Amino acid sequence: MAILIASFSEDKKTEAHVKKVIELENWEKIIVVSEAQTKIDTKKTVDYIYVNMAKRLPELSSDIMTKIRNKLNGIDVAVNIISGSGKLHMALLSAILKLGYGIRFIVLTEHGIKEI
């Protein structure tokens, strides 16, 4: 079972996508990194990490790395970055990779969750 890490913004268009990615699989753990103090309406347990987008990219990446370091305990990390800004995506991916994890990009399709 994989750990899901998803980026999330307040964009209602992508909220439904992220919610289905969360709900359609039995994830070992779900971590949502968000630039807004918003939660996704789901019955699953989600660990939210809120970040300050006013920070410069290196500091933002370091902040995310510090916050997710103790939350990652497996080797299979699935990432969905359909939601959020490019700056958030770069900081998130940098943090995961600097911690030594490989990643699989996953997306919701008409046939369920697929790796791309």
Protein backbone atom coordinates (compact mmCIF):
# COMPACT_ATOMS: atom_id res chain seq x y z
CA MET A 1 0.00 0.00 0.00
CA ALA A 2 1.28 3.45 -0.91
CA ILE A 3 1.40 6.75 0.91
CA LEU A 4 -0.51 9.40 -1.03
CA ILE A 5 0.83 12.93 -1.12
CA ALA A 6 -1.41 15.40 -2.92
CA SER A 7 -1.14 19.13 -3.43
CA PHE A 8 -4.33 21.13 -3.02
CA SER A 9 -5.61 24.65 -3.52
CA GLU A 10 -9.02 26.22 -3.06
CA ASP A 11 -9.85 25.61 -6.72
CA LYS A 12 -13.24 23.87 -6.76
CA LYS A 13 -12.50 22.42 -10.21
CA THR A 14 -9.66 20.30 -8.87
CA GLU A 15 -11.13 19.60 -5.42
CA ALA A 16 -13.40 16.84 -6.79
CA HIS A 17 -10.43 15.22 -8.53
CA VAL A 18 -8.28 15.20 -5.38
CA LYS A 19 -11.20 13.93 -3.30
CA LYS A 20 -11.74 10.95 -5.65
CA VAL A 21 -8.02 10.16 -5.68
CA ILE A 22 -8.17 10.05 -1.87
CA GLU A 23 -11.32 7.94 -1.71
CA LEU A 24 -10.85 5.41 -4.52
CA GLU A 25 -7.80 3.67 -3.08
CA ASN A 26 -6.83 2.17 0.27
CA TRP A 27 -3.87 4.39 1.01
CA GLU A 28 -1.51 3.57 3.86
CA LYS A 29 -1.49 7.27 4.74
CA ILE A 30 -2.85 10.42 3.08
CA ILE A 31 -0.95 13.70 3.21
CA VAL A 32 -2.36 16.83 1.60
CA VAL A 33 -0.07 19.81 1.20
CA SER A 34 -2.08 22.97 0.79
CA GLU A 35 -1.53 26.65 0.26
CA ALA A 36 -4.93 27.40 1.83
CA GLN A 37 -6.44 26.56 5.21
CA THR A 38 -9.05 24.40 3.49
CA LYS A 39 -9.94 20.77 4.06
CA ILE A 40 -11.34 18.26 1.61
CA ASP A 41 -14.72 16.82 2.56
CA THR A 42 -13.87 13.13 3.01
CA LYS A 43 -14.42 10.49 5.67
CA LYS A 44 -10.84 9.26 5.30
CA THR A 45 -8.14 10.36 7.70
CA VAL A 46 -6.08 13.07 6.04
CA ASP A 47 -2.95 14.67 7.46
CA TYR A 48 -2.90 18.30 6.29
CA ILE A 49 0.25 20.34 5.90
CA TYR A 50 -0.39 24.04 5.37
CA VAL A 51 2.36 26.15 3.85
CA ASN A 52 3.08 29.86 3.55
CA MET A 53 3.31 30.63 -0.16
CA ALA A 54 4.89 34.01 0.59
CA LYS A 55 8.14 32.18 1.37
CA ARG A 56 10.82 31.88 -1.28
CA LEU A 57 11.02 28.54 -3.02
CA PRO A 58 14.07 27.17 -1.13
CA GLU A 59 12.50 28.03 2.25
CA LEU A 60 9.14 26.64 1.16
CA SER A 61 10.75 23.35 0.13
CA SER A 62 12.68 23.16 3.40
CA ASP A 63 9.47 23.86 5.35
CA ILE A 64 7.61 21.07 3.56
CA MET A 65 10.55 18.70 4.03
CA THR A 66 10.58 19.36 7.77
CA LYS A 67 6.82 18.83 8.04
CA ILE A 68 6.64 15.58 6.04
CA ARG A 69 9.90 13.98 7.21
CA ASN A 70 8.33 12.07 10.12
CA LYS A 71 5.11 11.29 8.23
CA LEU A 72 6.76 9.13 5.56
CA ASN A 73 7.43 5.62 6.78
CA GLY A 74 7.06 3.50 3.66
CA ILE A 75 8.91 3.30 0.40
CA ASP A 76 5.97 3.61 -1.99
CA VAL A 77 5.01 7.28 -2.43
CA ALA A 78 2.22 8.17 -4.87
CA VAL A 79 1.98 11.85 -5.80
CA ASN A 80 -0.90 13.80 -7.30
CA ILE A 81 -0.24 17.44 -8.18
CA ILE A 82 -3.34 18.20 -10.25
CA SER A 83 -4.19 21.00 -7.81
CA GLY A 84 -2.06 23.87 -6.56
CA SER A 85 0.47 26.25 -8.07
CA GLY A 86 3.68 25.46 -9.89
CA LYS A 87 5.62 26.94 -6.98
CA LEU A 88 3.91 24.55 -4.57
CA HIS A 89 4.56 21.62 -6.91
CA MET A 90 8.27 22.42 -7.21
CA ALA A 91 8.68 22.81 -3.45
CA LEU A 92 6.77 19.60 -2.73
CA LEU A 93 8.66 17.49 -5.26
CA SER A 94 11.98 18.91 -4.12
CA ALA A 95 11.19 18.07 -0.49
CA ILE A 96 10.18 14.47 -1.28
CA LEU A 97 13.23 13.84 -3.44
CA LYS A 98 15.64 15.44 -0.95
CA LEU A 99 14.31 13.00 1.68
CA GLY A 100 15.44 10.18 -0.62
CA TYR A 101 12.05 8.94 -1.81
CA GLY A 102 11.18 7.94 -5.32
CA ILE A 103 7.73 8.88 -6.52
CA ARG A 104 4.97 7.60 -8.74
CA PHE A 105 2.67 10.17 -10.32
CA ILE A 106 -0.95 9.09 -10.14
CA VAL A 107 -4.09 10.55 -11.66
CA LEU A 108 -7.81 9.88 -11.73
CA THR A 109 -9.04 8.58 -15.08
CA GLU A 110 -12.35 7.26 -16.36
CA HIS A 111 -10.94 3.81 -15.46
CA GLY A 112 -9.94 4.69 -11.89
CA ILE A 113 -6.58 5.66 -10.42
CA LYS A 114 -3.71 5.18 -12.88
CA GLU A 115 0.01 5.75 -12.71
CA ILE A 116 1.31 8.06 -15.42
